[in-house]
Protein backbone atom coordinates (compact mmCIF):
# COMPACT_ATOMS: atom_id res chain seq x y z
CA UNK A 1 18.83 -31.15 5.28
CA UNK A 2 15.93 -33.49 4.62
CA UNK A 3 13.17 -31.62 2.81
CA UNK A 4 10.46 -34.00 4.04
CA UNK A 5 8.86 -32.18 6.95
CA UNK A 6 5.89 -33.18 9.03
CA UNK A 7 2.85 -31.01 9.48
CA UNK A 8 3.86 -30.44 13.09
CA UNK A 9 7.22 -29.01 12.00
CA UNK A 10 5.55 -26.78 9.39
CA UNK A 11 3.16 -25.50 12.03
CA UNK A 12 6.10 -24.85 14.37
CA UNK A 13 7.78 -22.70 11.72
CA UNK A 14 4.64 -20.60 11.26
CA UNK A 15 4.17 -20.34 15.03
CA UNK A 16 7.77 -19.22 15.52
CA UNK A 17 7.34 -16.42 12.94
CA UNK A 18 3.75 -15.59 13.88
CA UNK A 19 4.56 -12.04 15.00
CA UNK A 20 6.30 -11.33 11.69
CA UNK A 21 3.38 -12.74 9.68
CA UNK A 22 0.89 -10.74 11.78
CA UNK A 23 2.83 -7.48 11.32
CA UNK A 24 3.07 -7.98 7.55
CA UNK A 25 -0.64 -8.80 7.30
CA UNK A 26 -1.74 -5.79 9.33
CA UNK A 27 0.67 -3.44 7.57
CA UNK A 28 -0.28 -4.48 4.04
CA UNK A 29 -4.02 -4.46 4.82
CA UNK A 30 -3.85 -0.98 6.36
CA UNK A 31 -1.78 0.27 3.42
CA UNK A 32 -4.31 -1.16 0.96
CA UNK A 33 -7.16 0.50 2.87
CA UNK A 34 -5.35 3.84 2.89
CA UNK A 35 -4.77 3.64 -0.87
CA UNK A 36 -8.37 2.61 -1.56
CA UNK A 37 -10.02 5.29 0.60
CA UNK A 38 -7.54 8.19 0.50
CA UNK A 39 -5.54 8.04 -2.73
CA UNK A 40 -7.68 6.41 -5.45
CA UNK A 41 -10.57 8.64 -6.49
CA UNK A 42 -13.94 6.84 -6.65
CA UNK A 43 -15.65 6.53 -10.03
CA UNK A 44 -19.44 6.82 -10.25
CA UNK A 45 -21.67 5.64 -13.09
CA UNK A 46 -24.86 7.34 -14.23
CA UNK A 47 -27.17 5.62 -16.71
CA UNK A 48 -29.91 6.79 -19.07
CA UNK A 49 -32.05 4.83 -21.52
CA UNK A 50 -33.45 5.64 -24.95
CA UNK A 51 -35.92 3.73 -27.10
CA UNK A 52 -35.21 3.61 -30.84
CA UNK A 53 -38.48 2.84 -32.59
CA UNK A 54 -39.03 4.09 -36.11
CA UNK A 55 -42.26 2.96 -37.77
CA UNK A 56 -43.68 3.37 -41.25
CA UNK A 57 -46.40 5.69 -40.02
CA UNK A 58 -49.04 3.08 -39.34
CA UNK A 59 -50.81 3.07 -36.02
CA UNK A 60 -49.68 -0.45 -35.12
CA UNK A 61 -46.01 -1.35 -35.47
CA UNK A 62 -45.27 -4.46 -37.41
CA UNK A 63 -42.48 -7.00 -37.06
CA UNK A 64 -40.45 -5.60 -39.95
CA UNK A 65 -40.18 -2.20 -38.21
CA UNK A 66 -38.84 -3.82 -35.05
CA UNK A 67 -36.33 -5.95 -36.96
CA UNK A 68 -35.09 -2.89 -38.83
CA UNK A 69 -34.62 -0.95 -35.60
CA UNK A 70 -32.69 -3.85 -34.10
CA UNK A 71 -30.34 -3.89 -37.08
CA UNK A 72 -29.68 -0.18 -36.60
CA UNK A 73 -28.87 -0.59 -32.89
CA UNK A 74 -25.10 -0.87 -33.40
CA UNK A 75 -25.16 2.08 -35.78
CA UNK A 76 -26.95 4.25 -33.22
CA UNK A 77 -24.50 3.26 -30.49
CA UNK A 78 -21.59 4.22 -32.75
CA UNK A 79 -23.20 7.59 -33.44
CA UNK A 80 -23.57 8.19 -29.70
CA UNK A 81 -19.79 7.92 -29.28
CA UNK A 82 -18.89 9.71 -32.49
CA UNK A 83 -16.73 12.88 -32.33
CA UNK A 84 -19.57 14.94 -33.83
CA UNK A 85 -21.88 14.13 -30.91
CA UNK A 86 -19.22 14.26 -28.21
CA UNK A 87 -17.90 17.63 -29.38
CA UNK A 88 -21.39 19.11 -29.03
CA UNK A 89 -21.73 17.58 -25.56
CA UNK A 90 -18.36 19.00 -24.61
CA UNK A 91 -19.27 22.47 -25.88
CA UNK A 92 -22.67 22.49 -24.19
CA UNK A 93 -21.31 21.46 -20.79
CA UNK A 94 -18.03 23.43 -21.17
CA UNK A 95 -15.92 20.36 -20.44
CA UNK A 96 -12.15 20.59 -20.36
CA UNK A 97 -11.40 17.04 -21.57
CA UNK A 98 -11.10 16.15 -25.22
CA UNK A 99 -13.67 14.20 -27.20
CA UNK A 100 -11.35 11.18 -27.21
CA UNK A 101 -11.10 11.13 -23.41
CA UNK A 102 -14.83 11.73 -23.11
CA UNK A 103 -15.45 8.70 -25.31
CA UNK A 104 -13.59 6.53 -22.78
CA UNK A 105 -16.15 7.53 -20.16
CA UNK A 106 -19.17 6.50 -22.26
CA UNK A 107 -20.45 2.92 -22.31
CA UNK A 108 -23.37 1.96 -24.54
CA UNK A 109 -25.19 -1.35 -24.53
CA UNK A 110 -28.49 -2.93 -25.53
CA UNK A 111 -30.22 -6.09 -24.48
CA UNK A 112 -30.61 -8.88 -27.00
CA UNK A 113 -33.69 -8.43 -29.20
CA UNK A 114 -34.40 -5.06 -27.60
CA UNK A 115 -34.84 -1.59 -29.07
CA UNK A 116 -33.69 0.04 -25.84
CA UNK A 117 -30.14 1.42 -25.65
CA UNK A 118 -28.55 2.09 -22.27
CA UNK A 119 -26.03 4.93 -22.06
CA UNK A 120 -23.73 4.81 -19.04
CA UNK A 121 -21.20 7.53 -18.21
CA UNK A 122 -18.44 7.15 -15.62
CA UNK A 123 -16.95 10.13 -13.82
CA UNK A 124 -15.42 11.08 -10.47
CA UNK A 125 -18.48 13.25 -9.82
CA UNK A 126 -21.92 11.58 -9.87
CA UNK A 127 -23.54 14.90 -10.78
CA UNK A 128 -21.16 15.41 -13.71
CA UNK A 129 -21.73 11.83 -14.90
CA UNK A 130 -25.51 12.38 -14.88
CA UNK A 131 -25.20 15.68 -16.75
CA UNK A 132 -23.02 14.12 -19.45
CA UNK A 133 -25.39 11.15 -19.90
CA UNK A 134 -28.50 13.32 -20.17
CA UNK A 135 -26.85 15.81 -22.53
CA UNK A 136 -25.50 12.99 -24.67
CA UNK A 137 -28.89 11.40 -25.33
CA UNK A 138 -30.43 14.80 -26.11
CA UNK A 139 -27.67 15.66 -28.58
CA UNK A 140 -27.93 12.18 -30.08
CA UNK A 141 -31.68 12.55 -30.56
CA UNK A 142 -31.23 15.84 -32.42
CA UNK A 143 -28.30 14.47 -34.45
CA UNK A 144 -30.10 11.40 -35.82
CA UNK A 145 -33.15 13.52 -36.53
CA UNK A 146 -31.13 15.96 -38.63
CA UNK A 147 -28.77 13.52 -40.38
CA UNK A 148 -30.90 10.39 -40.75
CA UNK A 149 -34.41 11.84 -40.44
CA UNK A 150 -35.09 9.37 -37.63
CA UNK A 151 -37.81 10.71 -35.37
CA UNK A 152 -38.39 7.56 -33.35
CA UNK A 153 -35.89 8.29 -30.57
CA UNK A 154 -37.66 8.39 -27.21
CA UNK A 155 -35.98 9.09 -23.88
CA UNK A 156 -37.26 6.49 -21.43
CA UNK A 157 -35.30 7.48 -18.33
CA UNK A 158 -32.79 10.20 -17.56
CA UNK A 159 -29.72 9.78 -15.39
CA UNK A 160 -29.85 10.98 -11.78
CA UNK A 161 -26.88 11.78 -9.59
CA UNK A 162 -28.60 10.23 -6.57
CA UNK A 163 -28.95 6.91 -8.43
CA UNK A 164 -25.32 6.80 -9.55
CA UNK A 165 -23.47 4.00 -7.75
CA UNK A 166 -19.72 3.87 -7.23
CA UNK A 167 -18.28 1.31 -9.66
CA UNK A 168 -14.54 1.79 -9.08
CA UNK A 169 -12.61 0.82 -7.08
CA UNK A 170 -14.07 -2.29 -5.46
CA UNK A 171 -12.74 -1.45 -2.03
CA UNK A 172 -13.88 -4.49 -0.06
CA UNK A 173 -12.71 -6.94 -2.71
CA UNK A 174 -9.33 -5.24 -3.07
CA UNK A 175 -8.75 -5.20 0.69
CA UNK A 176 -9.70 -8.88 0.99
CA UNK A 177 -7.27 -9.69 -1.81
CA UNK A 178 -4.56 -7.60 -0.10
CA UNK A 179 -5.22 -9.41 3.19
CA UNK A 180 -4.92 -12.83 1.53
CA UNK A 181 -1.78 -11.83 -0.36
CA UNK A 182 -0.22 -10.48 2.85
CA UNK A 183 -0.91 -13.72 4.75
CA UNK A 184 0.57 -15.84 1.96
CA UNK A 185 3.52 -13.48 1.62
CA UNK A 186 4.19 -13.55 5.36
CA UNK A 187 4.07 -17.35 5.49
CA UNK A 188 6.35 -17.57 2.45
CA UNK A 189 8.82 -15.19 4.08
CA UNK A 190 8.72 -17.25 7.30
CA UNK A 191 9.65 -20.43 5.43
CA UNK A 192 12.29 -18.58 3.43
CA UNK A 193 13.97 -17.31 6.61
CA UNK A 194 13.72 -20.78 8.13
CA UNK A 195 15.47 -22.49 5.24
CA UNK A 196 18.20 -19.83 5.22
CA UNK A 197 18.98 -20.69 8.84
CA UNK A 198 21.55 -23.53 8.91
CA UNK A 199 21.47 -24.08 12.68
CA UNK A 200 20.09 -27.38 14.02
CA UNK A 201 16.82 -26.98 15.85
CA UNK A 202 15.94 -30.64 16.48
CA UNK A 203 17.57 -33.97 17.22
CA UNK A 204 16.50 -35.25 13.82
CA UNK A 205 18.32 -32.43 12.04
CA UNK A 206 21.46 -33.11 14.11
CA UNK A 207 21.28 -36.79 13.22
CA UNK A 208 20.94 -35.95 9.52
CA UNK A 209 23.93 -33.60 9.61
CA UNK A 210 26.34 -35.78 11.62
CA UNK A 211 25.05 -39.29 11.00
CA UNK A 212 25.37 -40.00 14.75
CA UNK A 213 22.49 -41.32 16.84
CA UNK A 214 20.91 -39.06 19.45
CA UNK A 215 21.28 -40.54 22.95
CA UNK A 216 19.34 -37.85 24.78
CA UNK A 217 18.31 -34.21 24.94
CA UNK A 218 18.76 -31.50 27.57
CA UNK A 219 15.70 -29.25 27.84
CA UNK A 220 16.13 -25.50 28.09
CA UNK A 221 14.71 -24.59 31.53
CA UNK A 222 13.81 -20.92 31.87
CA UNK A 223 13.42 -19.70 35.47
CA UNK A 224 11.08 -16.82 36.11
CA UNK A 225 10.99 -14.28 38.92
CA UNK A 226 9.23 -16.68 41.22
CA UNK A 227 11.86 -19.33 40.57
CA UNK A 228 14.71 -16.98 41.34
CA UNK A 229 13.04 -15.81 44.54
CA UNK A 230 12.50 -19.39 45.63
CA UNK A 231 16.19 -20.17 44.95
CA UNK A 232 17.33 -17.23 47.08
CA UNK A 233 15.02 -18.31 49.89
CA UNK A 234 16.41 -21.83 49.85
CA UNK A 235 19.96 -20.42 49.93
CA UNK A 236 19.17 -18.35 53.04
CA UNK A 237 17.66 -21.36 54.76
CA UNK A 238 20.73 -23.41 54.09
CA UNK A 239 22.97 -20.57 55.37
CA UNK A 240 20.99 -20.21 58.60
CA UNK A 241 21.17 -23.97 59.12
CA UNK A 242 24.88 -23.81 58.91
């Protein structure tokens, strides 16, 4: 069969299998929505911020103090996620997970050239995420004070459960992707079924298979109820005339 097909023929294939494509699209989209809203548990993220500013005791901070605090930013973030700090957080909140699994929930970051460290905690419960974030920064403040004699840790903002957005899953995006994948999959299946069918559906295909010219075509006339009734009426008229 000639693989060169016109756009009209491609459209006819899609039109012929439109019901199949529609069913696949609706089914996959509904399944994706069910998984997103009923099976996958949402993950919320609560964030708190601390300012690390250690000065030499003078009233006005100088540039060297700020540069030193910036150099210690990575060290402080590592301490926040250290087992020593996380074990104390776990004990204080009576958490069942291990310190290693708790570390996977904690995300620390700092803006470039900034002394502010943001602590974000992800959990299935927004209230639990906020409690972990707030307890973590408090334990961290006490830890660096005891071990490093750093007293310049200031809590700027605490995490609140009401301000904890859902970060996972991205339901709308996932459903749009599922919808697009279902449409493409349905169209692909329609073409696959078409190319598996060896029957001739056009005069051009018959000419390609046999090499004989097509002299004419006989259309498939489908009579409806009205047509059948009209035929019966004509038959009665002819009978009465006889």
